Amino acid sequence: MAALISIDAFGWIDALRRTTKLFQYLVLITSMTFTGVVSFLGSCGGALAAHRPTGEAVGLGMMTAATMIAMVWRRLAPKGSVAVLPMEEAKAELNANAQVISK
């Protein structure tokens, strides 16, 4: 008769999530990085495909990435965190045509 052994290989992730804020910061950093890269590449690539000047395309990508990263920060930042943003960013976020995907 064989004894059934149950090994929870990913139990440490759940324990880390419950005991520290480190997991919350890892999710925040990962989400901000992914959002920033994808929004930059999409905006910059779209502008370049439309034959806009390179500097203009990169600037558009940077502005889009900054706005989307700020949106992620507002949704996922731990309580007590502070971010100081220029007023133009808040205006850009209000006018942003963004889709928020939560999983």
N, C-alpha and C. Protein backbone atom coordinates (compact mmCIF):
# COMPACT_ATOMS: atom_id res chain seq x y z
N MET A 1 0.84 -1.17 0.00
CA MET A 1 0.00 0.00 0.00
C MET A 1 0.89 1.24 0.00
N ALA A 2 0.72 2.05 -1.01
CA ALA A 2 1.54 3.26 -1.14
C ALA A 2 0.85 4.42 -0.44
N ALA A 3 1.65 5.17 0.25
CA ALA A 3 1.13 6.36 0.93
C ALA A 3 1.09 7.52 -0.07
N LEU A 4 0.00 8.21 -0.07
CA LEU A 4 -0.11 9.37 -0.96
C LEU A 4 0.53 10.58 -0.28
N ILE A 5 1.47 11.17 -0.98
CA ILE A 5 2.15 12.35 -0.46
C ILE A 5 1.72 13.53 -1.30
N SER A 6 1.25 14.53 -0.63
CA SER A 6 0.82 15.74 -1.32
C SER A 6 1.86 16.82 -1.09
N ILE A 7 2.43 17.30 -2.16
CA ILE A 7 3.42 18.37 -2.07
C ILE A 7 2.85 19.60 -2.76
N ASP A 8 2.78 20.67 -2.02
CA ASP A 8 2.31 21.94 -2.58
C ASP A 8 3.52 22.75 -3.00
N ALA A 9 3.88 22.62 -4.26
CA ALA A 9 5.09 23.27 -4.76
C ALA A 9 5.00 24.79 -4.76
N PHE A 10 3.80 25.32 -4.83
CA PHE A 10 3.64 26.77 -4.90
C PHE A 10 3.03 27.35 -3.64
N GLY A 11 3.02 26.61 -2.57
CA GLY A 11 2.48 27.10 -1.30
C GLY A 11 3.24 28.28 -0.76
N TRP A 12 4.54 28.37 -1.08
CA TRP A 12 5.35 29.48 -0.61
C TRP A 12 4.87 30.80 -1.19
N ILE A 13 4.29 30.76 -2.39
CA ILE A 13 3.79 32.00 -3.00
C ILE A 13 2.60 32.51 -2.20
N ASP A 14 1.70 31.62 -1.82
CA ASP A 14 0.54 32.02 -1.02
C ASP A 14 0.99 32.53 0.34
N ALA A 15 1.96 31.86 0.95
CA ALA A 15 2.48 32.31 2.25
C ALA A 15 3.13 33.68 2.13
N LEU A 16 3.88 33.90 1.05
CA LEU A 16 4.51 35.20 0.82
C LEU A 16 3.47 36.29 0.64
N ARG A 17 2.40 35.97 -0.08
CA ARG A 17 1.33 36.94 -0.33
C ARG A 17 0.65 37.33 0.97
N ARG A 18 0.45 36.38 1.87
CA ARG A 18 -0.27 36.67 3.11
C ARG A 18 0.59 37.35 4.16
N THR A 19 1.90 37.13 4.12
CA THR A 19 2.74 37.61 5.22
C THR A 19 3.52 38.88 4.91
N THR A 20 3.70 39.23 3.66
CA THR A 20 4.52 40.40 3.35
C THR A 20 3.86 41.29 2.31
N LYS A 21 4.35 42.52 2.23
CA LYS A 21 3.91 43.42 1.17
C LYS A 21 4.77 43.25 -0.07
N LEU A 22 5.80 42.42 0.03
CA LEU A 22 6.71 42.22 -1.09
C LEU A 22 5.95 41.73 -2.32
N PHE A 23 5.04 40.80 -2.13
CA PHE A 23 4.27 40.25 -3.25
C PHE A 23 3.45 41.36 -3.92
N GLN A 24 2.86 42.22 -3.12
CA GLN A 24 2.05 43.32 -3.65
C GLN A 24 2.93 44.27 -4.49
N TYR A 25 4.13 44.54 -4.02
CA TYR A 25 5.04 45.38 -4.78
C TYR A 25 5.53 44.69 -6.05
N LEU A 26 5.75 43.38 -5.99
CA LEU A 26 6.15 42.64 -7.19
C LEU A 26 5.06 42.69 -8.26
N VAL A 27 3.82 42.54 -7.84
CA VAL A 27 2.70 42.65 -8.78
C VAL A 27 2.63 44.06 -9.36
N LEU A 28 2.82 45.06 -8.52
CA LEU A 28 2.79 46.46 -8.98
C LEU A 28 3.90 46.72 -10.00
N ILE A 29 5.10 46.31 -9.69
CA ILE A 29 6.23 46.56 -10.59
C ILE A 29 6.06 45.80 -11.90
N THR A 30 5.63 44.56 -11.82
CA THR A 30 5.41 43.76 -13.04
C THR A 30 4.32 44.39 -13.90
N SER A 31 3.23 44.79 -13.29
CA SER A 31 2.13 45.40 -14.04
C SER A 31 2.54 46.73 -14.68
N MET A 32 3.29 47.54 -13.93
CA MET A 32 3.73 48.82 -14.47
C MET A 32 4.71 48.63 -15.62
N THR A 33 5.60 47.67 -15.49
CA THR A 33 6.58 47.41 -16.55
C THR A 33 5.89 46.92 -17.81
N PHE A 34 5.02 45.93 -17.67
CA PHE A 34 4.31 45.38 -18.83
C PHE A 34 3.48 46.46 -19.51
N THR A 35 2.72 47.23 -18.72
CA THR A 35 1.87 48.28 -19.27
C THR A 35 2.70 49.34 -19.98
N GLY A 36 3.79 49.76 -19.36
CA GLY A 36 4.63 50.79 -19.96
C GLY A 36 5.25 50.36 -21.27
N VAL A 37 5.78 49.14 -21.31
CA VAL A 37 6.43 48.65 -22.53
C VAL A 37 5.42 48.48 -23.66
N VAL A 38 4.30 47.85 -23.36
CA VAL A 38 3.29 47.60 -24.40
C VAL A 38 2.70 48.91 -24.92
N SER A 39 2.38 49.84 -24.03
CA SER A 39 1.79 51.11 -24.50
C SER A 39 2.82 51.93 -25.27
N PHE A 40 4.09 51.91 -24.84
CA PHE A 40 5.13 52.63 -25.57
C PHE A 40 5.30 52.05 -26.97
N LEU A 41 5.45 50.73 -27.05
CA LEU A 41 5.66 50.11 -28.36
C LEU A 41 4.46 50.30 -29.28
N GLY A 42 3.25 50.21 -28.74
CA GLY A 42 2.06 50.39 -29.56
C GLY A 42 1.93 51.80 -30.10
N SER A 43 2.13 52.78 -29.24
CA SER A 43 2.00 54.18 -29.67
C SER A 43 3.13 54.60 -30.59
N CYS A 44 4.35 54.25 -30.22
CA CYS A 44 5.51 54.63 -31.02
C CYS A 44 5.47 53.91 -32.38
N GLY A 45 5.16 52.63 -32.36
CA GLY A 45 5.08 51.87 -33.61
C GLY A 45 3.97 52.37 -34.51
N GLY A 46 2.85 52.73 -33.93
CA GLY A 46 1.75 53.27 -34.72
C GLY A 46 2.11 54.60 -35.38
N ALA A 47 2.80 55.45 -34.61
CA ALA A 47 3.22 56.74 -35.16
C ALA A 47 4.27 56.56 -36.26
N LEU A 48 5.19 55.64 -36.06
CA LEU A 48 6.21 55.38 -37.09
C LEU A 48 5.58 54.78 -38.34
N ALA A 49 4.59 53.91 -38.15
CA ALA A 49 3.89 53.32 -39.30
C ALA A 49 3.12 54.38 -40.08
N ALA A 50 2.72 55.44 -39.39
CA ALA A 50 2.01 56.55 -40.04
C ALA A 50 3.00 57.58 -40.61
N HIS A 51 4.29 57.22 -40.63
CA HIS A 51 5.35 58.05 -41.21
C HIS A 51 5.53 59.38 -40.49
N ARG A 52 5.34 59.36 -39.16
CA ARG A 52 5.62 60.54 -38.35
C ARG A 52 7.13 60.59 -38.10
N PRO A 53 7.70 61.75 -37.80
CA PRO A 53 9.13 61.83 -37.48
C PRO A 53 9.47 60.97 -36.25
N THR A 54 10.69 60.44 -36.24
CA THR A 54 11.10 59.52 -35.18
C THR A 54 10.99 60.16 -33.80
N GLY A 55 11.46 61.38 -33.66
CA GLY A 55 11.39 62.05 -32.36
C GLY A 55 9.96 62.24 -31.88
N GLU A 56 9.10 62.58 -32.78
CA GLU A 56 7.68 62.74 -32.44
C GLU A 56 7.07 61.41 -32.01
N ALA A 57 7.42 60.34 -32.72
CA ALA A 57 6.88 59.02 -32.40
C ALA A 57 7.36 58.55 -31.03
N VAL A 58 8.64 58.75 -30.74
CA VAL A 58 9.19 58.36 -29.43
C VAL A 58 8.55 59.20 -28.33
N GLY A 59 8.38 60.48 -28.54
CA GLY A 59 7.72 61.33 -27.56
C GLY A 59 6.29 60.91 -27.29
N LEU A 60 5.58 60.58 -28.34
CA LEU A 60 4.21 60.09 -28.17
C LEU A 60 4.18 58.80 -27.37
N GLY A 61 5.11 57.90 -27.68
CA GLY A 61 5.20 56.64 -26.93
C GLY A 61 5.51 56.87 -25.47
N MET A 62 6.41 57.80 -25.19
CA MET A 62 6.76 58.10 -23.80
C MET A 62 5.59 58.70 -23.04
N MET A 63 4.87 59.61 -23.67
CA MET A 63 3.70 60.22 -23.02
C MET A 63 2.62 59.18 -22.75
N THR A 64 2.38 58.31 -23.71
CA THR A 64 1.38 57.27 -23.54
C THR A 64 1.78 56.30 -22.43
N ALA A 65 3.04 55.88 -22.43
CA ALA A 65 3.52 54.97 -21.40
C ALA A 65 3.40 55.59 -20.01
N ALA A 66 3.77 56.85 -19.88
CA ALA A 66 3.69 57.53 -18.58
C ALA A 66 2.26 57.61 -18.08
N THR A 67 1.34 57.91 -18.96
CA THR A 67 -0.07 58.00 -18.57
C THR A 67 -0.61 56.64 -18.14
N MET A 68 -0.30 55.60 -18.89
CA MET A 68 -0.80 54.26 -18.56
C MET A 68 -0.16 53.72 -17.28
N ILE A 69 1.12 54.01 -17.08
CA ILE A 69 1.78 53.57 -15.84
C ILE A 69 1.16 54.27 -14.63
N ALA A 70 0.82 55.55 -14.77
CA ALA A 70 0.17 56.27 -13.67
C ALA A 70 -1.20 55.67 -13.37
N MET A 71 -1.91 55.23 -14.41
CA MET A 71 -3.21 54.58 -14.19
C MET A 71 -3.04 53.28 -13.41
N VAL A 72 -2.02 52.50 -13.75
CA VAL A 72 -1.75 51.26 -13.01
C VAL A 72 -1.38 51.58 -11.57
N TRP A 73 -0.56 52.60 -11.36
CA TRP A 73 -0.16 52.99 -10.01
C TRP A 73 -1.39 53.33 -9.16
N ARG A 74 -2.31 54.10 -9.73
CA ARG A 74 -3.50 54.49 -8.96
C ARG A 74 -4.35 53.29 -8.56
N ARG A 75 -4.38 52.26 -9.39
CA ARG A 75 -5.20 51.08 -9.09
C ARG A 75 -4.53 50.11 -8.14
N LEU A 76 -3.20 49.95 -8.23
CA LEU A 76 -2.53 48.86 -7.53
C LEU A 76 -1.58 49.28 -6.42
N ALA A 77 -1.29 50.56 -6.29
CA ALA A 77 -0.30 50.99 -5.29
C ALA A 77 -0.78 50.66 -3.88
N PRO A 78 0.13 50.18 -3.03
CA PRO A 78 -0.24 49.89 -1.64
C PRO A 78 -0.65 51.16 -0.91
N LYS A 79 -1.49 51.00 0.10
CA LYS A 79 -1.93 52.16 0.88
C LYS A 79 -0.73 52.81 1.54
N GLY A 80 -0.75 54.12 1.56
CA GLY A 80 0.35 54.87 2.14
C GLY A 80 1.42 55.25 1.12
N SER A 81 1.31 54.74 -0.09
CA SER A 81 2.28 55.10 -1.14
C SER A 81 1.93 56.47 -1.69
N VAL A 82 2.96 57.19 -2.10
CA VAL A 82 2.77 58.54 -2.61
C VAL A 82 3.42 58.65 -3.98
N ALA A 83 2.74 59.28 -4.90
CA ALA A 83 3.30 59.60 -6.21
C ALA A 83 2.95 61.05 -6.52
N VAL A 84 3.93 61.83 -6.92
CA VAL A 84 3.72 63.22 -7.27
C VAL A 84 3.77 63.31 -8.79
N LEU A 85 2.66 63.74 -9.38
CA LEU A 85 2.54 63.77 -10.84
C LEU A 85 2.21 65.18 -11.31
N PRO A 86 2.68 65.55 -12.49
CA PRO A 86 2.32 66.87 -13.02
C PRO A 86 0.85 66.91 -13.41
N MET A 87 0.29 68.09 -13.42
CA MET A 87 -1.12 68.26 -13.74
C MET A 87 -1.43 67.79 -15.15
N GLU A 88 -0.47 67.91 -16.08
CA GLU A 88 -0.70 67.48 -17.46
C GLU A 88 -0.97 65.97 -17.53
N GLU A 89 -0.34 65.21 -16.62
CA GLU A 89 -0.56 63.77 -16.61
C GLU A 89 -2.00 63.46 -16.23
N ALA A 90 -2.54 64.17 -15.25
CA ALA A 90 -3.92 63.94 -14.84
C ALA A 90 -4.88 64.28 -15.97
N LYS A 91 -4.61 65.35 -16.69
CA LYS A 91 -5.45 65.71 -17.84
C LYS A 91 -5.36 64.66 -18.93
N ALA A 92 -4.15 64.15 -19.17
CA ALA A 92 -3.96 63.12 -20.20
C ALA A 92 -4.68 61.84 -19.81
N GLU A 93 -4.66 61.51 -18.52
CA GLU A 93 -5.35 60.29 -18.07
C GLU A 93 -6.85 60.41 -18.25
N LEU A 94 -7.40 61.59 -18.00
CA LEU A 94 -8.84 61.79 -18.17
C LEU A 94 -9.24 61.65 -19.64
N ASN A 95 -8.36 62.08 -20.54
CA ASN A 95 -8.66 62.02 -21.96
C ASN A 95 -8.20 60.72 -22.62
N ALA A 96 -7.55 59.85 -21.84
CA ALA A 96 -6.99 58.62 -22.41
C ALA A 96 -8.11 57.66 -22.82
N ASN A 97 -7.91 57.08 -23.95
CA ASN A 97 -8.82 56.05 -24.44
C ASN A 97 -8.21 54.73 -24.02
N ALA A 98 -8.44 54.32 -22.77
CA ALA A 98 -7.77 53.15 -22.20
C ALA A 98 -8.78 52.09 -21.81
N GLN A 99 -8.37 50.86 -21.99
CA GLN A 99 -9.16 49.72 -21.55
C GLN A 99 -8.44 49.07 -20.39
N VAL A 100 -9.11 48.89 -19.25
CA VAL A 100 -8.50 48.29 -18.08
C VAL A 100 -8.89 46.82 -18.04
N ILE A 101 -7.87 45.96 -18.01
CA ILE A 101 -8.08 44.51 -17.96
C ILE A 101 -7.60 44.01 -16.62
N SER A 102 -8.49 43.39 -15.84
CA SER A 102 -8.11 42.83 -14.54
C SER A 102 -8.29 41.33 -14.58
N LYS A 103 -7.30 40.63 -14.08
CA LYS A 103 -7.38 39.16 -14.03
C LYS A 103 -7.15 38.68 -12.63
